Protein backbone atom coordinates (compact mmCIF):
# COMPACT_ATOMS: atom_id res chain seq x y z
CA ARG A 1 23.81 -13.61 16.24
CA GLY A 2 24.58 -12.01 12.87
CA GLN A 3 23.48 -15.14 10.99
CA LEU A 4 20.25 -15.28 12.98
CA LYS A 5 19.56 -11.64 12.12
CA ILE A 6 20.19 -12.30 8.41
CA ALA A 7 17.90 -15.34 8.50
CA ALA A 8 15.16 -13.35 10.24
CA SER A 9 15.46 -10.55 7.66
CA GLY A 10 15.27 -13.07 4.84
CA ALA A 11 12.18 -14.72 6.34
CA MET A 12 10.50 -11.32 6.78
CA ALA A 13 11.33 -10.36 3.18
CA ALA A 14 9.91 -13.63 1.84
CA ARG A 15 6.71 -13.23 3.85
CA CYS A 16 6.25 -9.63 2.74
CA ARG A 17 6.68 -10.56 -0.93
CA LEU A 18 4.07 -13.32 -0.52
CA ALA A 19 1.58 -10.90 1.05
CA ALA A 20 2.19 -8.20 -1.59
CA ARG A 21 -0.68 -9.38 -3.76
CA PHE A 22 -4.45 -9.51 -3.56
CA HIS A 23 -6.51 -12.36 -2.16
CA ARG A 24 -8.50 -14.53 -4.57
CA VAL A 25 -11.62 -13.47 -2.66
CA HIS A 26 -12.80 -10.02 -3.77
CA GLY A 27 -15.81 -7.92 -4.71
CA ALA A 28 -18.09 -8.84 -7.60
CA ASN A 29 -16.94 -5.92 -9.78
CA VAL A 30 -13.19 -6.49 -9.28
CA ARG A 31 -10.93 -8.00 -11.93
CA LEU A 32 -7.40 -9.05 -10.90
CA ASP A 33 -4.50 -9.45 -13.31
CA ALA A 34 -2.60 -12.75 -13.59
CA SER A 35 -0.13 -11.77 -10.86
CA ARG A 36 -2.93 -10.60 -8.54
CA THR A 37 -1.05 -7.33 -8.00
CA ARG A 38 -3.46 -5.13 -10.00
CA ALA A 39 -7.13 -4.72 -9.11
CA THR A 40 -9.56 -2.96 -11.45
CA ARG A 41 -13.24 -2.22 -10.83
CA VAL A 42 -14.81 -3.07 -14.18
CA GLN A 43 -18.25 -1.52 -13.69
CA SER A 44 -20.42 0.58 -11.38
CA PHE A 45 -18.83 2.40 -8.41
CA ALA A 46 -19.12 -0.28 -5.69
CA ASN A 47 -18.39 -3.99 -5.12
CA GLY A 48 -14.70 -3.12 -5.31
CA LEU A 49 -13.48 -4.75 -2.08
CA CYS A 50 -10.05 -6.42 -2.07
CA PHE A 51 -7.93 -8.03 0.66
CA SER A 52 -4.26 -8.88 1.09
CA GLN A 53 -3.34 -12.46 0.17
CA GLU A 54 -1.92 -13.11 3.66
CA PRO A 55 -2.33 -11.52 7.11
CA LEU A 56 0.18 -8.72 7.64
CA ALA A 57 3.15 -9.06 9.96
CA PRO A 58 3.57 -6.39 12.68
CA GLY A 59 4.94 -3.25 11.04
CA GLN A 60 4.49 -4.61 7.51
CA VAL A 61 3.10 -2.08 5.01
CA PHE A 62 0.51 -3.09 2.44
CA LEU A 63 1.12 -0.42 -0.19
CA VAL A 64 -0.94 0.34 -3.29
CA GLU A 65 -0.57 2.89 -6.08
CA ILE A 66 -3.60 4.46 -7.74
CA GLU A 67 -3.29 3.59 -11.44
CA GLU A 68 -6.60 4.70 -12.94
CA LYS A 69 -9.31 7.18 -12.01
CA GLU A 70 -12.92 7.30 -13.21
CA PRO A 71 -14.46 10.79 -13.31
CA GLY A 72 -18.09 11.31 -12.42
CA TRP A 73 -18.21 9.43 -9.11
CA CYS A 74 -18.10 10.99 -5.65
CA GLY A 75 -15.62 9.39 -3.24
CA HIS A 76 -12.17 7.84 -3.32
CA LEU A 77 -10.10 4.85 -2.27
CA ARG A 78 -10.74 3.31 1.17
CA VAL A 79 -8.15 1.31 3.11
CA GLY A 80 -7.83 -0.38 6.47
CA LEU A 81 -7.48 -3.69 8.31
CA THR A 82 -9.79 -6.56 9.19
CA ALA A 83 -9.52 -9.53 11.53
CA LEU A 84 -12.07 -11.36 9.35
CA ASP A 85 -10.58 -14.10 7.17
CA PRO A 86 -11.63 -13.28 3.57
CA GLN A 87 -11.91 -17.01 2.85
CA SER A 88 -14.63 -17.29 5.51
CA LEU A 89 -16.91 -14.67 3.93
CA GLU A 90 -20.04 -16.21 2.39
CA THR A 91 -20.40 -13.11 0.21
CA VAL A 92 -18.12 -10.12 -0.10
CA PRO A 93 -19.97 -6.97 1.06
CA GLU A 94 -20.79 -4.28 -1.47
CA TYR A 95 -19.04 -1.57 0.54
CA SER A 96 -16.22 -1.46 3.09
CA LEU A 97 -18.06 1.46 4.73
CA PRO A 98 -20.39 0.68 6.34
CA ASP A 99 -21.07 -2.95 5.31
CA LEU A 100 -17.74 -4.64 6.11
CA VAL A 101 -17.14 -2.49 9.19
CA ASN A 102 -20.60 -3.39 10.53
CA MET A 103 -19.59 -7.07 10.45
CA GLY A 104 -17.15 -6.25 13.26
CA ASP A 105 -13.38 -6.45 13.80
CA THR A 106 -12.77 -4.16 10.81
CA TRP A 107 -11.28 -0.66 10.68
CA VAL A 108 -11.52 1.26 7.40
CA PHE A 109 -11.09 4.91 6.47
CA ALA A 110 -11.76 6.86 3.28
CA ILE A 111 -8.70 8.56 1.81
CA THR A 112 -9.12 12.33 1.56
CA ARG A 113 -6.75 15.29 1.41
CA SER A 114 -7.06 15.73 5.19
CA HIS A 115 -7.12 12.35 6.90
CA ASN A 116 -8.72 11.44 10.23
CA ARG A 117 -6.46 11.04 13.24
CA VAL A 118 -7.27 9.57 16.64
CA ALA A 119 -6.29 11.65 19.69
CA LEU A 120 -5.03 10.23 22.94
CA GLU A 121 -7.11 11.01 26.03
CA GLY A 122 -6.46 14.59 27.09
CA GLU A 123 -5.02 15.64 23.71
CA GLU A 124 -6.65 18.55 21.93
CA ALA A 125 -5.47 17.37 18.53
CA PRO A 126 -3.47 14.34 17.44
CA ALA A 127 0.09 15.11 16.44
CA ARG A 128 1.73 13.94 13.27
CA ALA A 129 4.61 11.52 13.52
CA GLN A 130 7.98 13.15 14.06
CA GLY A 131 10.64 13.17 11.36
CA SER A 132 11.61 15.15 8.29
CA PRO A 133 10.11 14.27 4.88
CA TRP A 134 13.72 14.25 3.63
CA ASP A 135 14.77 11.40 5.93
CA PRO A 136 15.54 8.26 3.89
CA PHE A 137 13.50 6.12 6.33
CA LEU A 138 10.06 6.60 7.83
CA LEU A 139 10.09 5.60 11.51
CA ILE A 140 6.84 4.31 13.05
CA GLU A 141 7.27 2.92 16.54
CA ARG A 142 10.26 0.58 15.99
CA VAL A 143 9.67 0.04 12.28
CA ARG A 144 11.99 1.65 9.72
CA ILE A 145 10.57 1.77 6.20
CA PRO A 146 12.45 3.04 3.10
CA ARG A 147 10.59 6.29 2.43
CA ASP A 148 11.32 6.55 -1.30
CA THR A 149 9.21 3.46 -2.07
CA LEU A 150 6.27 4.96 -0.19
CA VAL A 151 6.14 8.23 -2.13
CA GLY A 152 3.97 8.48 -5.24
CA ARG A 153 5.10 10.74 -8.07
CA SER A 154 3.83 11.54 -11.54
CA ARG A 155 5.12 9.16 -14.19
CA PRO A 156 8.33 10.42 -15.82
CA GLY A 157 8.00 11.78 -19.35
CA ARG A 158 10.30 11.14 -22.28
CA TYR A 159 12.72 13.90 -21.22
CA SER A 160 12.11 13.75 -17.48
CA HIS A 161 15.74 12.76 -16.83
CA ILE A 162 16.50 16.47 -17.32
CA LEU A 163 14.22 17.21 -14.34
CA ASP A 164 15.25 14.30 -12.09
CA ASP A 165 15.58 16.46 -8.97
CA LEU A 166 12.09 17.90 -9.48
CA TYR A 167 10.70 14.41 -10.13
CA LYS A 168 12.20 13.07 -6.90
CA THR A 169 10.64 15.81 -4.75
CA ASN A 170 7.27 16.16 -6.49
CA ALA A 171 4.90 14.22 -4.22
CA LEU A 172 1.30 13.91 -5.40
CA PRO A 173 -2.01 14.75 -3.70
CA ALA A 174 -3.49 11.79 -1.82
CA THR A 175 -6.23 10.92 -4.31
CA ALA A 176 -4.31 11.56 -7.56
CA ARG A 177 -3.12 8.98 -10.08
CA ARG A 178 0.26 7.47 -9.03
CA SER A 179 -0.39 8.39 -5.38
CA ARG A 180 0.73 5.65 -2.99
CA ILE A 181 -1.36 4.65 0.02
CA GLY A 182 -0.26 2.15 2.67
CA VAL A 183 -1.64 0.59 5.84
CA LEU A 184 0.11 -1.18 8.72
CA TYR A 185 -0.35 -1.94 12.41
CA ALA A 186 2.09 -1.19 15.23
CA PRO A 187 1.90 -3.41 18.36
CA GLN A 188 1.55 -1.61 21.70
CA PRO A 189 2.80 -2.57 25.20
CA ASP A 190 -0.72 -3.52 26.32
CA GLY A 191 -0.96 -6.27 23.69
CA THR A 192 -3.16 -4.28 21.28
CA ALA A 193 -2.12 -2.46 18.11
CA ASP A 194 -2.54 0.94 16.45
CA MET A 195 -3.43 1.14 12.77
CA HIS A 196 -1.43 3.65 10.72
CA ILE A 197 -2.24 4.88 7.23
CA LEU A 198 0.58 6.23 5.08
CA ILE A 199 0.01 8.73 2.29
CA ASN A 200 2.95 9.30 -0.06
CA GLY A 201 5.56 8.65 2.60
CA GLU A 202 3.81 10.55 5.39
CA ASP A 203 2.47 8.79 8.47
CA MET A 204 -1.03 10.07 9.20
CA GLY A 205 -0.73 8.93 12.80
CA PRO A 206 -2.89 6.27 14.49
CA SER A 207 -6.18 6.03 12.60
CA ALA A 208 -7.58 3.36 14.93
CA ARG A 209 -6.42 2.10 18.31
CA ARG A 210 -6.68 -1.08 20.37
CA LEU A 211 -6.82 -3.52 17.45
CA PRO A 212 -6.48 -7.20 18.47
CA ALA A 213 -2.80 -7.73 17.67
CA THR A 214 -3.02 -11.42 18.65
CA ARG A 215 -5.37 -12.13 15.72
CA PRO A 216 -4.39 -12.28 12.02
CA LEU A 217 -5.02 -8.89 10.41
CA TYR A 218 -5.58 -8.60 6.65
CA ALA A 219 -5.28 -5.39 4.64
CA VAL A 220 -8.52 -4.04 3.16
CA VAL A 221 -8.49 -2.02 -0.08
CA ASP A 222 -11.81 -0.75 -1.43
CA VAL A 223 -11.46 0.33 -5.07
CA PHE A 224 -14.35 2.73 -4.69
CA ALA A 225 -16.02 5.43 -6.81
CA SER A 226 -13.48 7.68 -8.58
CA THR A 227 -10.62 5.23 -7.91
CA LYS A 228 -10.85 2.62 -10.68
CA SER A 229 -7.61 0.64 -10.54
CA VAL A 230 -4.77 0.12 -8.04
CA ARG A 231 -1.52 -1.85 -8.06
CA VAL A 232 0.28 -3.41 -5.09
CA ILE A 233 3.80 -1.99 -4.65
CA PRO A 234 6.21 -4.38 -2.87
CA VAL A 235 8.09 -2.84 0.05
CA GLU A 236 11.49 -4.43 0.56
CA TYR A 237 12.52 -5.48 4.05
CA GLY A 238 15.99 -6.83 4.76
CA PHE A 239 17.87 -7.74 1.57
CA PRO A 240 16.48 -6.81 -1.87
CA SER A 241 14.87 -9.68 -3.79
CA LEU A 242 16.52 -11.08 -6.94
CA GLN A 243 13.62 -9.62 -8.91
CA THR A 244 14.36 -6.14 -7.55
CA LEU A 245 18.09 -6.47 -8.26
CA CYS A 246 17.33 -7.45 -11.87
CA ARG A 247 15.06 -4.42 -12.23
CA LEU A 248 17.81 -2.10 -10.96
CA VAL A 249 20.29 -3.52 -13.51
CA ILE A 250 17.81 -3.11 -16.38
CA GLN A 251 16.92 0.46 -15.36
CA LYS A 252 20.61 1.33 -15.09
CA HIS A 253 21.35 0.26 -18.67
CA VAL A 254 18.51 2.02 -20.52
CA VAL A 255 18.44 5.68 -21.52
CA HIS A 256 15.03 6.11 -19.96
CA ARG A 257 12.35 3.88 -18.44
CA LEU A 258 10.12 4.38 -21.51
CA ALA A 259 12.81 2.51 -23.50
CA ILE A 260 11.91 -0.64 -21.54
CA ASP A 261 8.87 -1.00 -23.83
CA GLY A 262 11.22 -1.82 -26.71
CA LEU A 263 13.12 -4.58 -24.89
CA ASP A 264 12.58 -8.25 -25.74
CA LEU A 265 11.16 -9.11 -22.30
CA PRO A 266 7.94 -10.75 -21.10
CA PRO A 267 5.17 -8.14 -20.52
CA PRO A 268 4.95 -8.80 -16.73
CA LEU A 269 8.72 -8.17 -16.37
CA LYS A 270 8.46 -4.98 -18.45
CA SER A 271 5.66 -3.73 -16.21
CA PHE A 272 7.65 -4.53 -13.07
CA CYS A 273 10.77 -2.77 -14.41
CA GLN A 274 8.85 0.40 -15.28
CA HIS A 275 7.65 0.88 -11.72
CA GLU A 276 9.73 2.35 -8.93
């Protein structure tokens, strides 16, 4: 039984790493980097739609970090899920809201400081998920997710090691640079699923209910308006990947993460090592 559990964890980890990048199909104004983990809107404020490379597994988080902002536009990042296969789209819509949603089988919400929640019948107001923000894991239904990966924080400065405790507890506003936004779906007993949006380690509660859990569901990320660039952040399930273990060793043996710039390493590996 133990070997089967290890094998299942390894399979889940491999699938999650594969999905932790953007699909080749995207909006006309989007430019992806070589790894397809960074999406930048190169002009205008629209045509910034992106999708996950693969459909998400139940309880799997598709997590992005806001890397660049563009002042002067009104509106922020939009995220959600779609049962539409990106490969089947003749043209990628200009907007996730309302264009993609109007095509059906798509659930997308704009990220704001106070996010929408969906109440159960008879509830006056939806309740937030239970659990302390200091718990090492975020629990959603039966899914346990390492909370530290989910929380966005301002990039450490040259002497930030002096303020490590402050850095660890200093979560950012939802729409700020370095903020981390995630989306997942949780299967329900009736065969449907609830969509949850996570903002810096906090579960916003079900944002949409009765999604078709039997169909493949892709993550939707709309790099819209004042959000200019986002990066996919891998969330480890089961055992850490070899890539993650190498990053931990490198980070352990440098004085500070900024020193990674001076190492004789390929640029993609430097970038990976400088992120949490």
